[in-house]
Amino acid sequence: MLAAFKRLSLIGRFACALCLSTLLVRLISLGLYPLMDTTEARYGEMARIMVETGNWVTPMFDYGIPFWGKPPMFTWLSAAGFSLLGINEFAARLPHLLVGFGVLLLVWKTARLARQNSSDAWLAAAILASTTAFSLISGAVMTDTALTLGITLAMVSFWRAWQQQGRHWGYLFFVGLAIGLMSKGPLTLVLVGISLFLWLVPEGRWRHFTARLPLLTGPVLMLALTLPWYMIAEQATPGFLNYFLVGEHFKRFVVSGWQGDLYGTAHKEVRGMIWLLWLITALPWTPILLTQFAKIIRVRERHQTTKTKGLIGYAGFLWSWMLAPLILFTFSGNILYSYIMPGLPAMALLIVHYQSRLCWSPKVFLVGCLTPALLLAASVALLTEAIPPNSQKPLLQAALQTQPEIANTPLYYLKERPFSGQFYSQGKAKLLAANHHQPPYYLVVKGSINSANSPDASHCEQRHTWHKHRLYYCY
């Protein structure tokens, strides 16, 4: 391995060091801070319930309440971590980071084959690893890393199949689609479909589409890997398919602030906001890509050789892949920053492709060092509570340390119960009912205890505080 490192160019050595250091920092950070409300704690609690109940078919939003919003891949990942390593933050996040490693490996291999050198491969992996959104999301309990793995496998396999590098790549294309279908559903088909449409229609490439993929046996393989779970899930909790396919994949997209969400509220944003989110969350690399592209346009390098035509086709393929989620979610009012994630591998490959033509100074890529430095600083700040984590862990942990009886005493939340309160109480925390009159119990209140359904404050003692939250012992 040391010999291979020495054979790399200067920029290759830097990129290798940047990639590995970024991954090491992310690995170390996994257990340094609590699961955050709302997404991480919500999905972590679903995985905890899955392990506790042994129900590996339908993720549960709460005991007895099925979660129809997403397929189970994200839950399976964290639940597997809990089964092997116990119920903790590191175990919840590690499987998602390992999936991120898989995405990086695919990007490394693609750049290695396209550029025919390992230095460019390491640069592509380093750019992706140090992109803000990828670094954060790949180590978080979310759905998007698994979706990105599926789309990356599908797109890389399609390119290899298009280059006629083996029929097995055509089947891996459909395996990638299956992973996406088990991670986030039919959205995978839409994103890959947009990418391929943008690339195949120009220059009549679509005429060769049927010759590159096994369009009869490939879909059969994809359905064999996915359809059984969808059928079993509908049988286990009737109504799942209608909510998931119509609600989550149609109404959530076209209805801004969609009110049919069974598990929270839709994320209402101005249409087109996805582009601003991309500019910010793909830092520090978005300015470099845009500057590279502007430079390429200005110099107008249009040599009509066979090799250059192939490279132009490659760049167009990557642009189509990267732009697909941005184009799709331009028309949606319900978006999150994580929606840009499936296009980030293409962005990393594009920057490396343009670098091979522009040959900028390696100093340009020093900006990638910002990500691991900021990530480490943020993790330490959350660990020391210099930045208060958006989680109930500090409050409940302090209560357990000083009042161990809380483990066997009812615990309630007034008005709203955060997902982290469920997770860190191991599902014991409940929402206080208006007719509750069975002391003693512990009560967590955000703000004032005085409300219509709160107990008499004269019978409650304040025991702990955590920013706006207070823990009372009611007797």
Protein backbone atom coordinates (compact mmCIF):
# COMPACT_ATOMS: atom_id res chain seq x y z
CA MET A 1 0.00 0.00 0.00
CA LEU A 2 2.88 2.37 0.78
CA ALA A 3 4.38 1.66 -2.64
CA ALA A 4 1.07 2.49 -4.32
CA PHE A 5 0.90 5.73 -2.36
CA LYS A 6 4.39 6.71 -3.52
CA ARG A 7 3.41 6.16 -7.14
CA LEU A 8 0.67 8.79 -6.87
CA SER A 9 1.23 12.32 -8.08
CA LEU A 10 1.47 15.18 -5.59
CA ILE A 11 -2.23 15.96 -5.97
CA GLY A 12 -3.01 12.24 -5.72
CA ARG A 13 -1.17 11.95 -2.42
CA PHE A 14 -2.94 14.98 -1.06
CA ALA A 15 -6.32 13.65 -2.23
CA CYS A 16 -5.67 10.25 -0.66
CA ALA A 17 -4.74 11.88 2.66
CA LEU A 18 -7.77 14.19 2.51
CA CYS A 19 -10.17 11.34 1.74
CA LEU A 20 -8.88 9.06 4.49
CA SER A 21 -8.66 11.83 7.09
CA THR A 22 -12.21 13.01 6.32
CA LEU A 23 -13.54 9.47 6.67
CA LEU A 24 -11.58 8.94 9.90
CA VAL A 25 -12.95 12.14 11.43
CA ARG A 26 -16.48 11.16 10.40
CA LEU A 27 -16.03 7.69 11.89
CA ILE A 28 -14.77 9.09 15.18
CA SER A 29 -17.59 11.62 15.34
CA LEU A 30 -20.39 9.05 15.04
CA GLY A 31 -20.70 8.48 18.78
CA LEU A 32 -19.76 11.95 20.02
CA TYR A 33 -23.19 13.55 19.94
CA PRO A 34 -26.80 12.40 20.44
CA LEU A 35 -29.34 11.47 17.80
CA MET A 36 -30.87 14.75 16.74
CA ASP A 37 -34.51 15.71 16.50
CA THR A 38 -36.35 15.25 14.35
CA THR A 39 -35.04 13.00 11.61
CA GLU A 40 -32.24 11.05 13.28
CA ALA A 41 -34.09 10.45 16.53
CA ARG A 42 -37.29 9.47 14.70
CA TYR A 43 -35.58 6.94 12.44
CA GLY A 44 -33.38 5.71 15.29
CA GLU A 45 -36.44 5.06 17.43
CA MET A 46 -38.06 3.12 14.57
CA ALA A 47 -34.96 0.93 14.38
CA ARG A 48 -34.95 0.44 18.14
CA ILE A 49 -38.61 -0.63 18.08
CA MET A 50 -37.83 -2.99 15.17
CA VAL A 51 -35.15 -4.73 17.24
CA GLU A 52 -37.32 -4.80 20.37
CA THR A 53 -40.45 -6.17 18.67
CA GLY A 54 -38.73 -8.40 16.10
CA ASN A 55 -40.94 -6.94 13.35
CA TRP A 56 -38.54 -6.54 10.43
CA VAL A 57 -41.28 -6.09 7.82
CA THR A 58 -42.96 -2.78 8.69
CA PRO A 59 -41.10 0.07 10.42
CA MET A 60 -43.15 1.41 13.34
CA PHE A 61 -43.63 5.13 13.96
CA ASP A 62 -44.60 4.20 17.50
CA TYR A 63 -45.79 1.01 19.14
CA GLY A 64 -48.71 -0.22 17.04
CA ILE A 65 -48.47 2.64 14.51
CA PRO A 66 -46.95 1.58 11.15
CA PHE A 67 -44.69 3.99 9.28
CA TRP A 68 -45.78 4.13 5.64
CA GLY A 69 -43.59 7.05 4.61
CA LYS A 70 -40.50 5.13 3.43
CA PRO A 71 -39.36 1.59 2.56
CA PRO A 72 -37.44 -0.19 5.33
CA MET A 73 -33.81 0.01 4.15
CA PHE A 74 -32.88 2.85 6.51
CA THR A 75 -34.51 1.02 9.42
CA TRP A 76 -32.83 -2.27 8.57
CA LEU A 77 -29.42 -0.57 8.55
CA SER A 78 -29.70 0.99 12.01
CA ALA A 79 -31.53 -2.05 13.41
CA ALA A 80 -28.67 -4.26 12.22
CA GLY A 81 -26.24 -1.92 13.97
CA PHE A 82 -28.25 -2.13 17.19
CA SER A 83 -28.38 -5.93 16.98
CA LEU A 84 -24.59 -6.15 16.65
CA LEU A 85 -23.35 -3.25 18.78
CA GLY A 86 -26.15 -2.42 21.20
CA ILE A 87 -28.50 0.58 21.37
CA ASN A 88 -26.27 3.62 20.95
CA GLU A 89 -25.53 6.44 18.53
CA PHE A 90 -22.46 4.80 17.00
CA ALA A 91 -24.40 1.65 16.20
CA ALA A 92 -27.26 3.66 14.68
CA ARG A 93 -24.99 5.66 12.37
CA LEU A 94 -22.21 3.22 11.44
CA PRO A 95 -24.19 1.18 8.87
CA HIS A 96 -25.12 4.38 7.01
CA LEU A 97 -21.46 5.46 6.93
CA LEU A 98 -20.50 2.04 5.56
CA VAL A 99 -23.05 2.55 2.78
CA GLY A 100 -21.35 5.89 2.13
CA PHE A 101 -18.05 4.02 1.82
CA GLY A 102 -19.71 1.96 -0.90
CA VAL A 103 -20.63 5.12 -2.82
CA LEU A 104 -17.06 6.40 -2.52
CA LEU A 105 -15.70 3.09 -3.80
CA LEU A 106 -17.92 3.28 -6.87
CA VAL A 107 -16.80 6.85 -7.54
CA TRP A 108 -13.14 5.90 -7.05
CA LYS A 109 -13.46 2.99 -9.47
CA THR A 110 -15.33 5.06 -12.07
CA ALA A 111 -12.72 7.84 -12.03
CA ARG A 112 -9.92 5.25 -12.15
CA LEU A 113 -11.32 3.69 -15.32
CA ALA A 114 -12.26 7.00 -16.97
CA ARG A 115 -8.94 8.75 -16.35
CA GLN A 116 -6.67 5.68 -16.28
CA ASN A 117 -4.78 6.77 -13.17
CA SER A 118 -5.21 6.38 -9.43
CA SER A 119 -4.44 10.01 -8.61
CA ASP A 120 -7.63 11.19 -10.32
CA ALA A 121 -9.54 8.39 -8.62
CA TRP A 122 -8.41 9.57 -5.19
CA LEU A 123 -9.21 13.16 -6.08
CA ALA A 124 -12.78 12.22 -7.02
CA ALA A 125 -13.23 10.26 -3.78
CA ALA A 126 -11.73 13.09 -1.72
CA ILE A 127 -14.00 15.71 -3.30
CA LEU A 128 -17.08 13.62 -2.60
CA ALA A 129 -16.02 12.68 0.94
CA SER A 130 -15.33 16.32 1.81
CA THR A 131 -18.51 17.75 0.31
CA THR A 132 -20.49 19.17 3.22
CA ALA A 133 -23.77 17.40 2.51
CA PHE A 134 -22.17 14.02 1.79
CA SER A 135 -19.98 14.17 4.87
CA LEU A 136 -22.93 14.96 7.13
CA ILE A 137 -25.60 12.75 5.57
CA SER A 138 -23.47 9.62 5.06
CA GLY A 139 -22.90 9.47 8.81
CA ALA A 140 -26.48 10.25 9.81
CA VAL A 141 -29.56 8.10 10.37
CA MET A 142 -31.36 9.10 7.17
CA THR A 143 -32.70 7.51 4.00
CA ASP A 144 -30.58 9.41 1.50
CA THR A 145 -27.25 7.56 1.69
CA ALA A 146 -28.82 4.23 0.74
CA LEU A 147 -30.75 5.95 -2.07
CA THR A 148 -27.49 7.49 -3.30
CA LEU A 149 -25.82 4.08 -3.31
CA GLY A 150 -28.62 2.66 -5.44
CA ILE A 151 -28.58 5.53 -7.94
CA THR A 152 -24.78 5.60 -8.11
CA LEU A 153 -24.64 1.86 -8.79
CA ALA A 154 -27.33 2.22 -11.45
CA MET A 155 -25.66 5.15 -13.21
CA VAL A 156 -22.13 3.72 -13.06
CA SER A 157 -23.39 0.36 -14.30
CA PHE A 158 -25.30 2.00 -17.13
CA TRP A 159 -22.18 3.85 -18.27
CA ARG A 160 -20.13 0.66 -18.20
CA ALA A 161 -22.86 -1.23 -20.06
CA TRP A 162 -23.03 1.58 -22.62
CA GLN A 163 -19.30 1.19 -23.18
CA GLN A 164 -20.00 -2.54 -23.74
CA GLN A 165 -17.73 -3.65 -20.91
CA GLY A 166 -19.74 -6.72 -20.00
CA ARG A 167 -23.38 -7.80 -19.89
CA HIS A 168 -23.25 -8.15 -16.11
CA TRP A 169 -23.19 -4.34 -15.88
CA GLY A 170 -26.69 -4.28 -17.34
CA TYR A 171 -27.91 -6.51 -14.53
CA LEU A 172 -26.09 -4.40 -11.92
CA PHE A 173 -28.01 -1.41 -13.30
CA PHE A 174 -31.25 -3.08 -12.23
CA VAL A 175 -29.75 -4.14 -8.89
CA GLY A 176 -29.00 -0.45 -8.27
CA LEU A 177 -32.62 0.42 -9.06
CA ALA A 178 -33.75 -2.28 -6.62
CA ILE A 179 -31.60 -0.81 -3.84
CA GLY A 180 -33.16 2.58 -4.50
CA LEU A 181 -36.68 1.12 -4.50
CA MET A 182 -36.01 -0.39 -1.07
CA SER A 183 -34.47 2.86 0.17
CA LYS A 184 -36.89 5.55 -0.97
CA GLY A 185 -39.24 3.99 -3.48
CA PRO A 186 -40.20 4.92 -7.07
CA LEU A 187 -38.35 8.23 -6.74
CA THR A 188 -35.31 6.19 -7.79
CA LEU A 189 -36.86 5.38 -11.15
CA VAL A 190 -37.80 9.02 -11.69
CA LEU A 191 -34.31 10.37 -10.93
CA VAL A 192 -32.51 7.76 -13.02
CA GLY A 193 -35.11 8.20 -15.77
CA ILE A 194 -34.56 11.98 -15.92
CA SER A 195 -30.77 11.49 -16.02
CA LEU A 196 -30.91 9.00 -18.88
CA PHE A 197 -33.50 11.00 -20.80
CA LEU A 198 -31.33 14.12 -20.69
CA TRP A 199 -28.34 12.18 -22.01
CA LEU A 200 -29.95 9.75 -24.46
CA VAL A 201 -32.15 12.13 -26.43
CA PRO A 202 -29.36 14.36 -27.82
CA GLU A 203 -27.50 12.91 -30.80
CA GLY A 204 -29.99 10.04 -31.06
CA ARG A 205 -28.32 7.89 -28.40
CA TRP A 206 -31.71 6.45 -27.46
CA ARG A 207 -31.61 4.31 -30.60
CA HIS A 208 -28.93 2.12 -29.00
CA PHE A 209 -30.59 1.93 -25.58
CA THR A 210 -32.26 -1.44 -26.05
CA ALA A 211 -29.00 -3.04 -27.17
CA ARG A 212 -27.12 -2.00 -24.05
CA LEU A 213 -29.41 -3.29 -21.28
CA PRO A 214 -31.20 -6.61 -20.66
CA LEU A 215 -34.66 -5.05 -20.86
CA LEU A 216 -36.49 -8.37 -20.48
CA THR A 217 -34.62 -10.17 -17.73
CA GLY A 218 -33.27 -7.07 -15.95
CA PRO A 219 -36.67 -5.76 -14.77
CA VAL A 220 -37.56 -9.28 -13.65
CA LEU A 221 -34.46 -9.27 -11.44
CA MET A 222 -35.38 -5.84 -10.06
CA LEU A 223 -38.93 -6.94 -9.23
CA ALA A 224 -37.71 -10.18 -7.68
CA LEU A 225 -35.59 -8.13 -5.28
CA THR A 226 -38.30 -5.64 -4.34
CA LEU A 227 -41.86 -6.77 -5.06
CA PRO A 228 -42.05 -9.44 -2.30
CA TRP A 229 -41.50 -6.85 0.45
CA TYR A 230 -44.04 -4.42 -1.03
CA MET A 231 -46.67 -7.17 -1.18
CA ILE A 232 -45.91 -8.44 2.33
CA ALA A 233 -45.96 -4.89 3.72
CA GLU A 234 -49.37 -4.17 2.18
CA GLN A 235 -50.72 -7.43 3.55
CA ALA A 236 -49.34 -6.67 7.02
CA THR A 237 -50.77 -3.13 7.14
CA PRO A 238 -53.43 -2.55 4.44
CA GLY A 239 -53.39 1.00 3.06
CA PHE A 240 -49.61 1.24 2.86
CA LEU A 241 -49.38 1.23 -0.95
CA ASN A 242 -52.05 3.91 -1.42
CA TYR A 243 -50.45 6.27 1.08
CA PHE A 244 -46.89 5.60 -0.07
CA LEU A 245 -47.45 5.73 -3.84
CA VAL A 246 -50.17 8.41 -4.06
CA GLY A 247 -49.47 10.51 -0.98
CA GLU A 248 -45.69 10.41 -0.69
CA HIS A 249 -44.89 10.31 -4.42
CA PHE A 250 -47.58 12.55 -5.88
CA LYS A 251 -49.30 14.81 -3.36
CA ARG A 252 -46.12 15.57 -1.42
CA PHE A 253 -44.49 16.64 -4.67
CA VAL A 254 -47.25 18.77 -6.21
CA VAL A 255 -48.97 20.15 -3.08
CA SER A 256 -46.82 22.69 -1.24
CA GLY A 257 -47.26 22.23 2.50
CA TRP A 258 -49.21 19.02 1.91
CA GLN A 259 -51.51 18.41 4.88
CA GLY A 260 -51.93 14.67 4.39
CA ASP A 261 -48.63 13.77 6.07
CA LEU A 262 -49.43 11.23 8.79
CA TYR A 263 -46.12 11.69 10.57
CA GLY A 264 -45.49 15.42 10.81
CA THR A 265 -45.71 18.36 8.45
CA ALA A 266 -44.49 18.81 4.91
CA HIS A 267 -41.46 21.06 4.36
CA LYS A 268 -42.86 24.09 2.56
CA GLU A 269 -40.28 26.01 0.54
CA VAL A 270 -40.33 28.39 -2.40
CA ARG A 271 -40.16 26.43 -5.64
CA GLY A 272 -36.66 26.55 -7.07
CA MET A 273 -35.04 26.72 -3.62
CA ILE A 274 -33.28 23.41 -4.33
CA TRP A 275 -30.68 25.29 -6.42
CA LEU A 276 -29.70 27.53 -3.52
CA LEU A 277 -29.54 24.48 -1.24
CA TRP A 278 -27.21 22.84 -3.74
CA LEU A 279 -24.92 25.87 -3.88
CA ILE A 280 -24.64 25.90 -0.08
CA THR A 281 -24.63 22.24 0.92
CA ALA A 282 -22.25 21.14 -1.85
CA LEU A 283 -19.61 23.52 -0.52
CA PRO A 284 -16.68 23.90 -0.70
CA TRP A 285 -16.81 22.49 -4.24
CA THR A 286 -19.66 24.35 -5.98
CA PRO A 287 -17.59 27.49 -6.72
CA ILE A 288 -14.81 25.34 -8.16
CA LEU A 289 -17.16 23.41 -10.47
CA LEU A 290 -18.87 26.58 -11.72
CA THR A 291 -15.52 28.29 -12.30
CA GLN A 292 -14.20 25.25 -14.16
CA PHE A 293 -17.28 25.13 -16.36
CA ALA A 294 -17.05 28.84 -17.16
CA LYS A 295 -13.39 28.40 -18.09
CA ILE A 296 -14.18 25.45 -20.36
CA ILE A 297 -16.87 27.49 -22.14
CA ARG A 298 -14.53 30.43 -22.66
CA VAL A 299 -11.62 28.51 -24.14
CA ARG A 300 -14.02 26.53 -26.38
CA GLU A 301 -12.01 23.33 -26.52
CA ARG A 302 -13.90 21.51 -29.24
CA HIS A 303 -11.32 19.21 -30.88
CA GLN A 304 -13.19 16.76 -33.10
CA THR A 305 -11.19 13.65 -32.31
CA THR A 306 -12.77 10.36 -31.38
CA LYS A 307 -11.23 10.53 -27.94
CA THR A 308 -12.54 14.05 -27.27
CA LYS A 309 -16.01 13.15 -28.49
CA GLY A 310 -16.02 10.31 -25.99
CA LEU A 311 -14.97 12.65 -23.22
CA ILE A 312 -17.69 15.14 -24.17
CA GLY A 313 -20.21 12.32 -23.96
CA TYR A 314 -18.84 11.41 -20.54
CA ALA A 315 -19.14 15.00 -19.26
CA GLY A 316 -22.68 15.25 -20.61
CA PHE A 317 -23.57 12.01 -18.87
CA LEU A 318 -22.27 13.37 -15.56
CA TRP A 319 -24.12 16.67 -15.97
CA SER A 320 -27.35 14.79 -16.68
CA TRP A 321 -26.83 12.69 -13.56
CA MET A 322 -25.99 15.66 -11.33
CA LEU A 323 -28.80 17.91 -12.57
CA ALA A 324 -31.60 15.33 -12.37
CA PRO A 325 -32.50 15.90 -8.67
CA LEU A 326 -32.16 19.67 -9.08
CA ILE A 327 -34.49 19.69 -12.08
CA LEU A 328 -37.03 17.40 -10.43
CA PHE A 329 -37.23 19.28 -7.15
CA THR A 330 -37.33 22.68 -8.84
CA PHE A 331 -41.04 22.02 -9.23
CA SER A 332 -41.57 20.82 -5.65
CA GLY A 333 -42.43 22.97 -2.66
CA ASN A 334 -41.54 20.20 -0.21
CA ILE A 335 -37.77 19.85 -0.14
CA LEU A 336 -34.84 19.21 2.19
CA TYR A 337 -31.14 19.82 1.68
CA SER A 338 -30.58 16.07 1.59
CA TYR A 339 -32.43 15.86 -1.75
CA ILE A 340 -29.27 16.95 -3.57
CA MET A 341 -27.38 13.89 -2.31
CA PRO A 342 -27.91 11.54 -5.32
CA GLY A 343 -26.21 14.01 -7.67
CA LEU A 344 -23.08 14.60 -5.60
CA PRO A 345 -21.09 11.60 -6.94
CA ALA A 346 -21.50 12.99 -10.46
CA MET A 347 -20.35 16.39 -9.27
CA ALA A 348 -17.13 14.93 -7.86
CA LEU A 349 -16.46 13.07 -11.12
CA LEU A 350 -17.14 16.23 -13.14
CA ILE A 351 -14.64 18.31 -11.19
CA VAL A 352 -11.96 15.68 -11.74
CA HIS A 353 -12.82 15.45 -15.44
CA TYR A 354 -12.44 19.21 -15.88
CA GLN A 355 -9.27 19.28 -13.78
CA SER A 356 -7.66 16.86 -16.23
CA ARG A 357 -8.18 19.46 -18.95
CA LEU A 358 -7.47 22.66 -17.01
CA CYS A 359 -4.59 21.37 -14.82
CA TRP A 360 -5.12 23.87 -12.02
CA SER A 361 -2.63 24.13 -9.19
CA PRO A 362 -3.09 21.49 -6.46
CA LYS A 363 -3.41 24.40 -4.01
CA VAL A 364 -6.96 24.93 -5.28
CA PHE A 365 -8.03 21.67 -3.68
CA LEU A 366 -6.81 22.65 -0.22
CA VAL A 367 -10.33 23.99 0.35
CA GLY A 368 -11.37 20.39 0.95
CA CYS A 369 -9.52 20.47 4.29
CA LEU A 370 -12.20 22.79 5.66
CA THR A 371 -14.77 20.01 5.89
CA PRO A 372 -13.01 17.58 8.27
CA ALA A 373 -11.76 20.50 10.39
CA LEU A 374 -15.25 21.98 10.75
CA LEU A 375 -16.80 18.56 11.29
CA LEU A 376 -14.40 17.77 14.12
CA ALA A 377 -14.94 21.18 15.70
CA ALA A 378 -18.74 20.84 15.51
CA SER A 379 -18.64 17.33 17.00
CA VAL A 380 -16.52 18.50 19.94
CA ALA A 381 -18.82 21.49 20.45
CA LEU A 382 -21.84 19.19 20.58
CA LEU A 383 -20.04 16.77 22.89
CA THR A 384 -19.11 19.53 25.34
CA GLU A 385 -22.51 21.19 24.85
CA ALA A 386 -20.85 24.42 23.74
CA ILE A 387 -23.44 24.06 20.97
CA PRO A 388 -26.60 22.66 22.63
CA PRO A 389 -27.65 19.53 20.73
CA ASN A 390 -31.23 19.39 19.54
CA SER A 391 -31.90 16.30 21.62
CA GLN A 392 -33.42 15.23 24.93
CA LYS A 393 -30.41 13.06 25.82
CA PRO A 394 -28.68 15.58 28.14
CA LEU A 395 -31.86 16.10 30.16
CA LEU A 396 -32.76 12.41 30.50
CA GLN A 397 -29.14 11.37 31.08
CA ALA A 398 -28.76 13.88 33.91
CA ALA A 399 -32.02 12.69 35.44
CA LEU A 400 -30.97 9.02 35.36
CA GLN A 401 -27.60 9.81 36.95
CA THR A 402 -29.08 11.65 39.92
CA GLN A 403 -32.46 9.94 40.17
CA PRO A 404 -32.19 6.32 39.06
CA GLU A 405 -35.80 5.70 40.11
CA ILE A 406 -36.86 7.51 36.92
CA ALA A 407 -36.10 4.27 35.06
CA ASN A 408 -39.08 2.64 36.84
CA THR A 409 -41.35 5.67 37.16
CA PRO A 410 -43.77 6.83 34.44
CA LEU A 411 -42.34 9.60 32.25
CA TYR A 412 -44.55 12.04 30.41
CA TYR A 413 -44.16 15.00 28.08
CA LEU A 414 -46.55 17.93 28.13
CA LYS A 415 -47.97 19.15 24.78
CA GLU A 416 -45.38 17.45 22.55
CA ARG A 417 -43.09 14.45 22.85
CA PRO A 418 -39.80 14.81 20.92
CA PHE A 419 -38.56 11.74 19.07
CA SER A 420 -35.32 11.87 21.03
CA GLY A 421 -37.40 11.68 24.21
CA GLN A 422 -38.84 8.41 22.93
CA PHE A 423 -35.47 7.03 21.91
CA TYR A 424 -33.50 7.92 25.04
CA SER A 425 -36.27 6.69 27.32
CA GLN A 426 -36.33 3.44 25.27
CA GLY A 427 -39.92 4.05 24.29
CA LYS A 428 -41.16 4.67 27.83
CA ALA A 429 -41.96 8.38 27.45
CA LYS A 430 -45.62 9.13 26.74
CA LEU A 431 -47.67 12.23 26.01
CA LEU A 432 -49.54 13.42 29.11
CA ALA A 433 -53.27 12.91 28.81
CA ALA A 434 -55.69 15.58 30.07
CA ASN A 435 -57.27 13.17 32.56
CA HIS A 436 -54.02 11.87 34.09
CA HIS A 437 -54.26 11.68 37.91
CA GLN A 438 -51.94 8.86 38.90
CA PRO A 439 -48.84 10.21 40.66
CA PRO A 440 -45.99 9.83 41.15
CA TYR A 441 -44.50 10.44 37.73
CA TYR A 442 -41.91 12.57 35.99
CA LEU A 443 -42.99 15.29 33.59
CA VAL A 444 -40.97 17.11 30.93
CA VAL A 445 -42.30 20.55 30.08
CA LYS A 446 -41.21 22.97 27.37
CA GLY A 447 -41.79 26.42 28.77
CA SER A 448 -44.40 26.82 31.49
CA ILE A 449 -46.14 24.00 33.34
CA ASN A 450 -49.38 25.97 33.46
CA SER A 451 -51.75 24.78 30.74
CA ALA A 452 -55.17 23.20 30.42
CA ASN A 453 -53.98 19.60 30.63
CA SER A 454 -51.07 20.09 33.06
CA PRO A 455 -51.12 18.90 36.68
CA ASP A 456 -51.30 21.22 39.66
CA ALA A 457 -47.90 22.91 39.80
CA SER A 458 -48.03 22.90 43.61
CA HIS A 459 -47.70 19.10 43.50
CA CYS A 460 -44.65 19.08 41.20
CA GLU A 461 -41.01 19.74 42.05
CA GLN A 462 -38.56 20.93 39.42
CA ARG A 463 -35.57 18.57 39.30
CA HIS A 464 -33.61 19.42 36.13
CA THR A 465 -33.50 21.99 33.34
CA TRP A 466 -32.20 21.75 29.78
CA HIS A 467 -32.57 25.03 27.92
CA LYS A 468 -36.32 25.43 27.39
CA HIS A 469 -37.16 22.02 28.87
CA ARG A 470 -37.77 21.34 32.57
CA LEU A 471 -38.10 18.01 34.33
CA TYR A 472 -40.60 17.86 37.20
CA TYR A 473 -41.35 15.18 39.77
CA CYS A 474 -45.12 15.15 40.37
CA TYR A 475 -46.58 13.52 43.50
